[in-house]
All heavy atoms as atom14 arrays in JSON, in Angstrom:
{
  "sequence": "TVLLQMNSLKPDDTAVYYCSAGRRRAWGSTVYNYWGQGTQVTV",
  "atom14_mask": [
    [1, 1, 1, 1, 1, 1, 1, 0, 0, 0, 0, 0, 0, 0],
    [1, 1, 1, 1, 1, 1, 1, 0, 0, 0, 0, 0, 0, 0],
    [1, 1, 1, 1, 1, 1, 1, 1, 0, 0, 0, 0, 0, 0],
    [1, 1, 1, 1, 1, 1, 1, 1, 0, 0, 0, 0, 0, 0],
    [1, 1, 1, 1, 1, 1, 1, 1, 1, 0, 0, 0, 0, 0],
    [1, 1, 1, 1, 1, 1, 1, 1, 0, 0, 0, 0, 0, 0],
    [1, 1, 1, 1, 1, 1, 1, 1, 0, 0, 0, 0, 0, 0],
    [1, 1, 1, 1, 1, 1, 0, 0, 0, 0, 0, 0, 0, 0],
    [1, 1, 1, 1, 1, 1, 1, 1, 0, 0, 0, 0, 0, 0],
    [1, 1, 1, 1, 1, 1, 1, 1, 1, 0, 0, 0, 0, 0],
    [1, 1, 1, 1, 1, 1, 1, 0, 0, 0, 0, 0, 0, 0],
    [1, 1, 1, 1, 1, 1, 1, 1, 0, 0, 0, 0, 0, 0],
    [1, 1, 1, 1, 1, 1, 1, 1, 0, 0, 0, 0, 0, 0],
    [1, 1, 1, 1, 1, 1, 1, 0, 0, 0, 0, 0, 0, 0],
    [1, 1, 1, 1, 1, 0, 0, 0, 0, 0, 0, 0, 0, 0],
    [1, 1, 1, 1, 1, 1, 1, 0, 0, 0, 0, 0, 0, 0],
    [1, 1, 1, 1, 1, 1, 1, 1, 1, 1, 1, 1, 0, 0],
    [1, 1, 1, 1, 1, 1, 1, 1, 1, 1, 1, 1, 0, 0],
    [1, 1, 1, 1, 1, 1, 0, 0, 0, 0, 0, 0, 0, 0],
    [1, 1, 1, 1, 1, 1, 0, 0, 0, 0, 0, 0, 0, 0],
    [1, 1, 1, 1, 1, 0, 0, 0, 0, 0, 0, 0, 0, 0],
    [1, 1, 1, 1, 0, 0, 0, 0, 0, 0, 0, 0, 0, 0],
    [1, 1, 1, 1, 1, 1, 1, 1, 1, 1, 1, 0, 0, 0],
    [1, 1, 1, 1, 1, 1, 1, 1, 1, 1, 1, 0, 0, 0],
    [1, 1, 1, 1, 1, 1, 1, 1, 1, 1, 1, 0, 0, 0],
    [1, 1, 1, 1, 1, 0, 0, 0, 0, 0, 0, 0, 0, 0],
    [1, 1, 1, 1, 1, 1, 1, 1, 1, 1, 1, 1, 1, 1],
    [1, 1, 1, 1, 0, 0, 0, 0, 0, 0, 0, 0, 0, 0],
    [1, 1, 1, 1, 1, 1, 0, 0, 0, 0, 0, 0, 0, 0],
    [1, 1, 1, 1, 1, 1, 1, 0, 0, 0, 0, 0, 0, 0],
    [1, 1, 1, 1, 1, 1, 1, 0, 0, 0, 0, 0, 0, 0],
    [1, 1, 1, 1, 1, 1, 1, 1, 1, 1, 1, 1, 0, 0],
    [1, 1, 1, 1, 1, 1, 1, 1, 0, 0, 0, 0, 0, 0],
    [1, 1, 1, 1, 1, 1, 1, 1, 1, 1, 1, 1, 0, 0],
    [1, 1, 1, 1, 1, 1, 1, 1, 1, 1, 1, 1, 1, 1],
    [1, 1, 1, 1, 0, 0, 0, 0, 0, 0, 0, 0, 0, 0],
    [1, 1, 1, 1, 1, 1, 1, 1, 1, 0, 0, 0, 0, 0],
    [1, 1, 1, 1, 0, 0, 0, 0, 0, 0, 0, 0, 0, 0],
    [1, 1, 1, 1, 1, 1, 1, 0, 0, 0, 0, 0, 0, 0],
    [1, 1, 1, 1, 1, 1, 1, 1, 1, 0, 0, 0, 0, 0],
    [1, 1, 1, 1, 1, 1, 1, 0, 0, 0, 0, 0, 0, 0],
    [1, 1, 1, 1, 1, 1, 1, 0, 0, 0, 0, 0, 0, 0],
    [1, 1, 1, 1, 1, 1, 1, 0, 0, 0, 0, 0, 0, 0]
  ],
  "atom14_positions": [
    [[-38.1, -134.89, 46.03], [-38.49, -133.75, 46.85], [-39.7, -133.06, 46.26], [-39.82, -132.94, 45.04], [-37.33, -132.75, 46.97], [-36.21, -133.38, 47.59], [-37.74, -131.54, 47.8], [0.0, 0.0, 0.0], [0.0, 0.0, 0.0], [0.0, 0.0, 0.0], [0.0, 0.0, 0.0], [0.0, 0.0, 0.0], [0.0, 0.0, 0.0], [0.0, 0.0, 0.0]],
    [[-40.59, -132.61, 47.13], [-41.74, -131.8, 46.74], [-41.62, -130.44, 47.42], [-41.28, -130.37, 48.61], [-43.06, -132.48, 47.13], [-44.24, -131.58, 46.78], [-43.19, -133.81, 46.42], [0.0, 0.0, 0.0], [0.0, 0.0, 0.0], [0.0, 0.0, 0.0], [0.0, 0.0, 0.0], [0.0, 0.0, 0.0], [0.0, 0.0, 0.0], [0.0, 0.0, 0.0]],
    [[-41.9, -129.39, 46.68], [-41.81, -128.04, 47.2], [-43.16, -127.37, 47.19], [-44.02, -127.67, 46.36], [-40.83, -127.21, 46.37], [-39.4, -127.72, 46.23], [-38.6, -126.81, 45.31], [-38.73, -127.82, 47.6], [0.0, 0.0, 0.0], [0.0, 0.0, 0.0], [0.0, 0.0, 0.0], [0.0, 0.0, 0.0], [0.0, 0.0, 0.0], [0.0, 0.0, 0.0]],
    [[-43.35, -126.45, 48.11], [-44.53, -125.59, 48.12], [-44.05, -124.16, 48.3], [-43.64, -123.77, 49.39], [-45.5, -125.97, 49.24], [-46.8, -125.16, 49.25], [-47.64, -125.51, 48.02], [-47.6, -125.42, 50.52], [0.0, 0.0, 0.0], [0.0, 0.0, 0.0], [0.0, 0.0, 0.0], [0.0, 0.0, 0.0], [0.0, 0.0, 0.0], [0.0, 0.0, 0.0]],
    [[-44.07, -123.41, 47.21], [-43.71, -122.0, 47.25], [-44.93, -121.19, 47.62], [-45.95, -121.25, 46.92], [-43.16, -121.55, 45.89], [-42.78, -120.08, 45.82], [-41.62, -119.74, 46.72], [-40.61, -120.44, 46.72], [-41.76, -118.68, 47.5], [0.0, 0.0, 0.0], [0.0, 0.0, 0.0], [0.0, 0.0, 0.0], [0.0, 0.0, 0.0], [0.0, 0.0, 0.0]],
    [[-44.85, -120.44, 48.7], [-45.98, -119.68, 49.2], [-45.65, -118.19, 49.14], [-44.71, -117.73, 49.79], [-46.31, -120.09, 50.64], [-46.56, -121.58, 50.8], [-47.08, -122.03, 52.48], [-45.59, -121.62, 53.39], [0.0, 0.0, 0.0], [0.0, 0.0, 0.0], [0.0, 0.0, 0.0], [0.0, 0.0, 0.0], [0.0, 0.0, 0.0], [0.0, 0.0, 0.0]],
    [[-46.42, -117.47, 48.36], [-46.24, -116.03, 48.2], [-47.47, -115.29, 48.7], [-48.55, -115.86, 48.84], [-45.97, -115.67, 46.74], [-44.73, -116.31, 46.19], [-43.73, -116.47, 46.88], [-44.77, -116.68, 44.91], [0.0, 0.0, 0.0], [0.0, 0.0, 0.0], [0.0, 0.0, 0.0], [0.0, 0.0, 0.0], [0.0, 0.0, 0.0], [0.0, 0.0, 0.0]],
    [[-47.31, -114.0, 48.93], [-48.41, -113.15, 49.39], [-49.15, -113.78, 50.56], [-50.38, -113.86, 50.58], [-49.38, -112.88, 48.23], [-48.72, -112.27, 47.14], [0.0, 0.0, 0.0], [0.0, 0.0, 0.0], [0.0, 0.0, 0.0], [0.0, 0.0, 0.0], [0.0, 0.0, 0.0], [0.0, 0.0, 0.0], [0.0, 0.0, 0.0], [0.0, 0.0, 0.0]],
    [[-48.41, -114.2, 51.54], [-48.98, -114.93, 52.67], [-49.9, -114.04, 53.5], [-49.66, -112.85, 53.67], [-47.87, -115.5, 53.54], [-47.19, -116.74, 52.95], [-45.86, -117.0, 53.64], [-48.11, -117.95, 53.08], [0.0, 0.0, 0.0], [0.0, 0.0, 0.0], [0.0, 0.0, 0.0], [0.0, 0.0, 0.0], [0.0, 0.0, 0.0], [0.0, 0.0, 0.0]],
    [[-50.95, -114.66, 54.0], [-51.96, -114.01, 54.82], [-52.0, -114.65, 56.2], [-51.61, -115.8, 56.36], [-53.34, -114.13, 54.16], [-53.4, -113.65, 52.72], [-54.77, -113.95, 52.13], [-54.86, -113.49, 50.69], [-56.19, -113.8, 50.1], [0.0, 0.0, 0.0], [0.0, 0.0, 0.0], [0.0, 0.0, 0.0], [0.0, 0.0, 0.0], [0.0, 0.0, 0.0]],
    [[-52.49, -113.93, 57.2], [-52.64, -114.55, 58.52], [-53.46, -115.83, 58.5], [-53.19, -116.75, 59.29], [-53.33, -113.45, 59.33], [-52.86, -112.18, 58.7], [-52.79, -112.49, 57.23], [0.0, 0.0, 0.0], [0.0, 0.0, 0.0], [0.0, 0.0, 0.0], [0.0, 0.0, 0.0], [0.0, 0.0, 0.0], [0.0, 0.0, 0.0], [0.0, 0.0, 0.0]],
    [[-54.44, -115.92, 57.6], [-55.26, -117.12, 57.5], [-54.48, -118.33, 57.0], [-54.97, -119.45, 57.08], [-56.46, -116.88, 56.58], [-57.54, -116.03, 57.23], [-57.49, -115.83, 58.45], [-58.44, -115.56, 56.5], [0.0, 0.0, 0.0], [0.0, 0.0, 0.0], [0.0, 0.0, 0.0], [0.0, 0.0, 0.0], [0.0, 0.0, 0.0], [0.0, 0.0, 0.0]],
    [[-53.29, -118.11, 56.48], [-52.44, -119.22, 56.04], [-51.73, -119.89, 57.21], [-51.08, -120.92, 57.03], [-51.41, -118.75, 55.02], [-52.03, -118.26, 53.73], [-53.01, -118.89, 53.26], [-51.55, -117.25, 53.18], [0.0, 0.0, 0.0], [0.0, 0.0, 0.0], [0.0, 0.0, 0.0], [0.0, 0.0, 0.0], [0.0, 0.0, 0.0], [0.0, 0.0, 0.0]],
    [[-51.81, -119.31, 58.38], [-51.16, -119.87, 59.56], [-51.72, -121.26, 59.86], [-52.93, -121.43, 60.02], [-51.35, -118.96, 60.77], [-50.71, -117.7, 60.54], [-50.76, -119.59, 62.02], [0.0, 0.0, 0.0], [0.0, 0.0, 0.0], [0.0, 0.0, 0.0], [0.0, 0.0, 0.0], [0.0, 0.0, 0.0], [0.0, 0.0, 0.0], [0.0, 0.0, 0.0]],
    [[-50.83, -122.24, 59.91], [-51.25, -123.62, 60.13], [-50.01, -124.51, 60.2], [-48.9, -124.08, 59.9], [-52.17, -124.1, 59.01], [0.0, 0.0, 0.0], [0.0, 0.0, 0.0], [0.0, 0.0, 0.0], [0.0, 0.0, 0.0], [0.0, 0.0, 0.0], [0.0, 0.0, 0.0], [0.0, 0.0, 0.0], [0.0, 0.0, 0.0], [0.0, 0.0, 0.0]],
    [[-50.23, -125.74, 60.59], [-49.22, -126.77, 60.42], [-49.41, -127.37, 59.05], [-50.51, -127.8, 58.7], [-49.31, -127.86, 61.51], [-48.29, -128.96, 61.25], [-49.11, -127.26, 62.89], [0.0, 0.0, 0.0], [0.0, 0.0, 0.0], [0.0, 0.0, 0.0], [0.0, 0.0, 0.0], [0.0, 0.0, 0.0], [0.0, 0.0, 0.0], [0.0, 0.0, 0.0]],
    [[-48.36, -127.38, 58.26], [-48.43, -127.88, 56.9], [-47.85, -129.28, 56.83], [-46.76, -129.54, 57.34], [-47.68, -126.95, 55.95], [-48.45, -125.7, 55.63], [-48.62, -124.71, 56.59], [-49.02, -125.5, 54.38], [-49.35, -123.56, 56.32], [-49.74, -124.36, 54.09], [-49.9, -123.39, 55.07], [-50.62, -122.26, 54.78], [0.0, 0.0, 0.0], [0.0, 0.0, 0.0]],
    [[-48.59, -130.18, 56.19], [-48.21, -131.58, 56.09], [-48.0, -131.99, 54.65], [-48.8, -131.65, 53.77], [-49.29, -132.48, 56.69], [-49.55, -132.27, 58.16], [-50.5, -131.37, 58.6], [-48.83, -132.99, 59.11], [-50.74, -131.18, 59.95], [-49.06, -132.81, 60.46], [-50.02, -131.9, 60.87], [-50.26, -131.72, 62.21], [0.0, 0.0, 0.0], [0.0, 0.0, 0.0]],
    [[-46.95, -132.73, 54.43], [-46.69, -133.35, 53.14], [-47.3, -134.74, 53.14], [-47.24, -135.46, 54.15], [-45.18, -133.42, 52.89], [-44.7, -134.21, 51.35], [0.0, 0.0, 0.0], [0.0, 0.0, 0.0], [0.0, 0.0, 0.0], [0.0, 0.0, 0.0], [0.0, 0.0, 0.0], [0.0, 0.0, 0.0], [0.0, 0.0, 0.0], [0.0, 0.0, 0.0]],
    [[-47.9, -135.14, 52.03], [-48.48, -136.46, 51.94], [-48.23, -137.06, 50.57], [-47.95, -136.36, 49.6], [-49.98, -136.42, 52.24], [-50.68, -135.67, 51.26], [0.0, 0.0, 0.0], [0.0, 0.0, 0.0], [0.0, 0.0, 0.0], [0.0, 0.0, 0.0], [0.0, 0.0, 0.0], [0.0, 0.0, 0.0], [0.0, 0.0, 0.0], [0.0, 0.0, 0.0]],
    [[-48.35, -138.38, 50.5], [-48.11, -139.09, 49.26], [-49.07, -140.26, 49.15], [-49.54, -140.8, 50.16], [-46.67, -139.6, 49.18], [0.0, 0.0, 0.0], [0.0, 0.0, 0.0], [0.0, 0.0, 0.0], [0.0, 0.0, 0.0], [0.0, 0.0, 0.0], [0.0, 0.0, 0.0], [0.0, 0.0, 0.0], [0.0, 0.0, 0.0], [0.0, 0.0, 0.0]],
    [[-49.37, -140.66, 47.93], [-50.25, -141.78, 47.73], [-50.24, -142.27, 46.29], [-49.66, -141.63, 45.41], [0.0, 0.0, 0.0], [0.0, 0.0, 0.0], [0.0, 0.0, 0.0], [0.0, 0.0, 0.0], [0.0, 0.0, 0.0], [0.0, 0.0, 0.0], [0.0, 0.0, 0.0], [0.0, 0.0, 0.0], [0.0, 0.0, 0.0], [0.0, 0.0, 0.0]],
    [[-50.88, -143.37, 46.09], [-50.97, -143.98, 44.77], [-52.32, -143.69, 44.13], [-53.35, -143.74, 44.8], [-50.77, -145.49, 44.87], [-49.38, -145.91, 45.34], [-49.29, -147.42, 45.44], [-47.99, -147.85, 45.93], [-46.96, -148.15, 45.15], [-47.09, -148.07, 43.82], [-45.81, -148.54, 45.67], [0.0, 0.0, 0.0], [0.0, 0.0, 0.0], [0.0, 0.0, 0.0]],
    [[-52.3, -143.4, 42.85], [-53.53, -143.21, 42.1], [-54.18, -144.56, 41.87], [-53.53, -145.52, 41.45], [-53.26, -142.51, 40.78], [-54.5, -142.2, 39.96], [-54.15, -141.41, 38.71], [-53.56, -140.13, 39.04], [-54.25, -139.04, 39.34], [-55.58, -139.09, 39.35], [-53.63, -137.92, 39.63], [0.0, 0.0, 0.0], [0.0, 0.0, 0.0], [0.0, 0.0, 0.0]],
    [[-55.48, -144.61, 42.12], [-56.22, -145.85, 41.96], [-56.79, -145.95, 40.55], [-56.79, -144.99, 39.78], [-57.34, -145.97, 42.99], [-56.9, -145.75, 44.43], [-55.61, -146.5, 44.77], [-55.69, -147.92, 44.53], [-56.07, -148.82, 45.44], [-56.36, -148.43, 46.68], [-56.12, -150.1, 45.14], [0.0, 0.0, 0.0], [0.0, 0.0, 0.0], [0.0, 0.0, 0.0]],
    [[-57.29, -147.13, 40.23], [-57.78, -147.39, 38.88], [-58.94, -146.48, 38.49], [-59.11, -146.16, 37.31], [-58.19, -148.85, 38.75], [0.0, 0.0, 0.0], [0.0, 0.0, 0.0], [0.0, 0.0, 0.0], [0.0, 0.0, 0.0], [0.0, 0.0, 0.0], [0.0, 0.0, 0.0], [0.0, 0.0, 0.0], [0.0, 0.0, 0.0], [0.0, 0.0, 0.0]],
    [[-59.73, -146.05, 39.46], [-60.88, -145.2, 39.17], [-60.51, -143.73, 39.07], [-61.39, -142.89, 38.85], [-61.97, -145.4, 40.21], [-61.5, -145.25, 41.63], [-61.45, -144.1, 42.35], [-61.04, -146.29, 42.48], [-60.98, -144.35, 43.6], [-60.71, -145.69, 43.72], [-60.87, -147.66, 42.33], [-60.22, -146.41, 44.79], [-60.38, -148.4, 43.41], [-60.07, -147.77, 44.62]],
    [[-59.24, -143.4, 39.26], [-58.78, -142.04, 39.04], [-58.53, -141.21, 40.26], [-58.03, -140.08, 40.13], [0.0, 0.0, 0.0], [0.0, 0.0, 0.0], [0.0, 0.0, 0.0], [0.0, 0.0, 0.0], [0.0, 0.0, 0.0], [0.0, 0.0, 0.0], [0.0, 0.0, 0.0], [0.0, 0.0, 0.0], [0.0, 0.0, 0.0], [0.0, 0.0, 0.0]],
    [[-58.85, -141.68, 41.44], [-58.61, -140.94, 42.67], [-57.34, -141.43, 43.34], [-56.9, -142.56, 43.14], [-59.8, -141.05, 43.62], [-59.99, -142.4, 44.03], [0.0, 0.0, 0.0], [0.0, 0.0, 0.0], [0.0, 0.0, 0.0], [0.0, 0.0, 0.0], [0.0, 0.0, 0.0], [0.0, 0.0, 0.0], [0.0, 0.0, 0.0], [0.0, 0.0, 0.0]],
    [[-56.75, -140.57, 44.16], [-55.52, -140.88, 44.86], [-55.79, -141.04, 46.35], [-56.45, -140.2, 46.96], [-54.47, -139.78, 44.65], [-54.2, -139.65, 43.25], [-53.19, -140.11, 45.39], [0.0, 0.0, 0.0], [0.0, 0.0, 0.0], [0.0, 0.0, 0.0], [0.0, 0.0, 0.0], [0.0, 0.0, 0.0], [0.0, 0.0, 0.0], [0.0, 0.0, 0.0]],
    [[-55.29, -142.11, 46.91], [-55.38, -142.34, 48.34], [-54.06, -141.91, 48.98], [-53.03, -142.54, 48.77], [-55.67, -143.82, 48.66], [-55.72, -144.03, 50.16], [-56.97, -144.26, 48.01], [0.0, 0.0, 0.0], [0.0, 0.0, 0.0], [0.0, 0.0, 0.0], [0.0, 0.0, 0.0], [0.0, 0.0, 0.0], [0.0, 0.0, 0.0], [0.0, 0.0, 0.0]],
    [[-54.12, -140.82, 49.75], [-52.92, -140.29, 50.41], [-52.76, -140.97, 51.75], [-53.39, -140.57, 52.74], [-53.03, -138.78, 50.56], [-53.03, -138.04, 49.23], [-54.21, -137.55, 48.69], [-51.85, -137.86, 48.52], [-54.22, -136.9, 47.47], [-51.85, -137.2, 47.31], [-53.03, -136.73, 46.78], [-53.04, -136.07, 45.57], [0.0, 0.0, 0.0], [0.0, 0.0, 0.0]],
    [[-51.93, -141.98, 51.79], [-51.76, -142.77, 53.01], [-50.38, -142.66, 53.63], [-50.08, -143.38, 54.59], [-52.1, -144.23, 52.73], [-51.32, -144.82, 51.56], [-50.59, -144.12, 50.87], [-51.48, -146.12, 51.34], [0.0, 0.0, 0.0], [0.0, 0.0, 0.0], [0.0, 0.0, 0.0], [0.0, 0.0, 0.0], [0.0, 0.0, 0.0], [0.0, 0.0, 0.0]],
    [[-49.53, -141.79, 53.11], [-48.24, -141.51, 53.71], [-48.22, -140.05, 54.14], [-48.63, -139.16, 53.39], [-47.09, -141.78, 52.74], [-47.03, -143.2, 52.24], [-47.43, -143.52, 50.96], [-46.56, -144.23, 53.06], [-47.38, -144.82, 50.5], [-46.51, -145.53, 52.61], [-46.92, -145.83, 51.33], [-46.87, -147.12, 50.87], [0.0, 0.0, 0.0], [0.0, 0.0, 0.0]],
    [[-47.72, -139.81, 55.36], [-47.76, -138.46, 55.93], [-46.47, -138.11, 56.63], [-45.84, -138.95, 57.28], [-48.92, -138.33, 56.93], [-50.26, -138.47, 56.29], [-50.94, -139.62, 56.04], [-51.08, -137.41, 55.8], [-52.14, -139.34, 55.42], [-52.25, -138.0, 55.27], [-50.93, -136.01, 55.77], [-53.27, -137.23, 54.71], [-51.95, -135.26, 55.22], [-53.1, -135.87, 54.69]],
    [[-46.07, -136.85, 56.52], [-44.97, -136.33, 57.29], [-45.44, -135.85, 58.65], [-46.62, -135.92, 58.99], [0.0, 0.0, 0.0], [0.0, 0.0, 0.0], [0.0, 0.0, 0.0], [0.0, 0.0, 0.0], [0.0, 0.0, 0.0], [0.0, 0.0, 0.0], [0.0, 0.0, 0.0], [0.0, 0.0, 0.0], [0.0, 0.0, 0.0], [0.0, 0.0, 0.0]],
    [[-44.5, -135.34, 59.44], [-44.82, -134.87, 60.79], [-45.35, -133.45, 60.83], [-45.92, -133.03, 61.83], [-43.58, -134.99, 61.69], [-43.12, -136.42, 61.91], [-44.18, -137.27, 62.57], [-44.7, -136.9, 63.63], [-44.53, -138.38, 61.95], [0.0, 0.0, 0.0], [0.0, 0.0, 0.0], [0.0, 0.0, 0.0], [0.0, 0.0, 0.0], [0.0, 0.0, 0.0]],
    [[-45.16, -132.71, 59.76], [-45.67, -131.36, 59.69], [-44.64, -130.3, 60.03], [-43.68, -130.56, 60.75], [0.0, 0.0, 0.0], [0.0, 0.0, 0.0], [0.0, 0.0, 0.0], [0.0, 0.0, 0.0], [0.0, 0.0, 0.0], [0.0, 0.0, 0.0], [0.0, 0.0, 0.0], [0.0, 0.0, 0.0], [0.0, 0.0, 0.0], [0.0, 0.0, 0.0]],
    [[-44.85, -129.1, 59.51], [-44.0, -127.96, 59.82], [-44.88, -126.73, 60.03], [-45.82, -126.5, 59.28], [-42.96, -127.72, 58.7], [-42.08, -126.65, 59.08], [-43.63, -127.37, 57.38], [0.0, 0.0, 0.0], [0.0, 0.0, 0.0], [0.0, 0.0, 0.0], [0.0, 0.0, 0.0], [0.0, 0.0, 0.0], [0.0, 0.0, 0.0], [0.0, 0.0, 0.0]],
    [[-44.59, -125.97, 61.07], [-45.42, -124.84, 61.45], [-45.13, -123.63, 60.58], [-43.98, -123.23, 60.4], [-45.19, -124.48, 62.92], [-45.96, -123.25, 63.39], [-47.44, -123.48, 63.48], [-47.88, -124.48, 64.06], [-48.23, -122.56, 62.91], [0.0, 0.0, 0.0], [0.0, 0.0, 0.0], [0.0, 0.0, 0.0], [0.0, 0.0, 0.0], [0.0, 0.0, 0.0]],
    [[-46.19, -123.02, 60.06], [-46.11, -121.76, 59.34], [-46.96, -120.74, 60.08], [-48.15, -120.97, 60.29], [-46.59, -121.9, 57.89], [-46.68, -120.53, 57.22], [-45.66, -122.82, 57.11], [0.0, 0.0, 0.0], [0.0, 0.0, 0.0], [0.0, 0.0, 0.0], [0.0, 0.0, 0.0], [0.0, 0.0, 0.0], [0.0, 0.0, 0.0], [0.0, 0.0, 0.0]],
    [[-46.35, -119.64, 60.47], [-47.06, -118.59, 61.18], [-46.91, -117.29, 60.41], [-45.79, -116.83, 60.16], [-46.52, -118.41, 62.61], [-46.65, -119.64, 63.32], [-47.3, -117.33, 63.33], [0.0, 0.0, 0.0], [0.0, 0.0, 0.0], [0.0, 0.0, 0.0], [0.0, 0.0, 0.0], [0.0, 0.0, 0.0], [0.0, 0.0, 0.0], [0.0, 0.0, 0.0]],
    [[-48.03, -116.7, 60.04], [-48.05, -115.43, 59.32], [-48.63, -114.38, 60.26], [-49.82, -114.41, 60.59], [-48.88, -115.51, 58.04], [-48.79, -114.2, 57.26], [-48.4, -116.67, 57.18], [0.0, 0.0, 0.0], [0.0, 0.0, 0.0], [0.0, 0.0, 0.0], [0.0, 0.0, 0.0], [0.0, 0.0, 0.0], [0.0, 0.0, 0.0], [0.0, 0.0, 0.0]]
  ]
}
């Protein structure tokens, strides 16, 4: 499980939030190629 604790929320934080996952490549960057369906956050 991955968590995102959000405090002091602002109206600008309103969005659909997506969880993603990926493997780190040999050159040091991560390719995020797995995605969830998203969850709506409204401030």
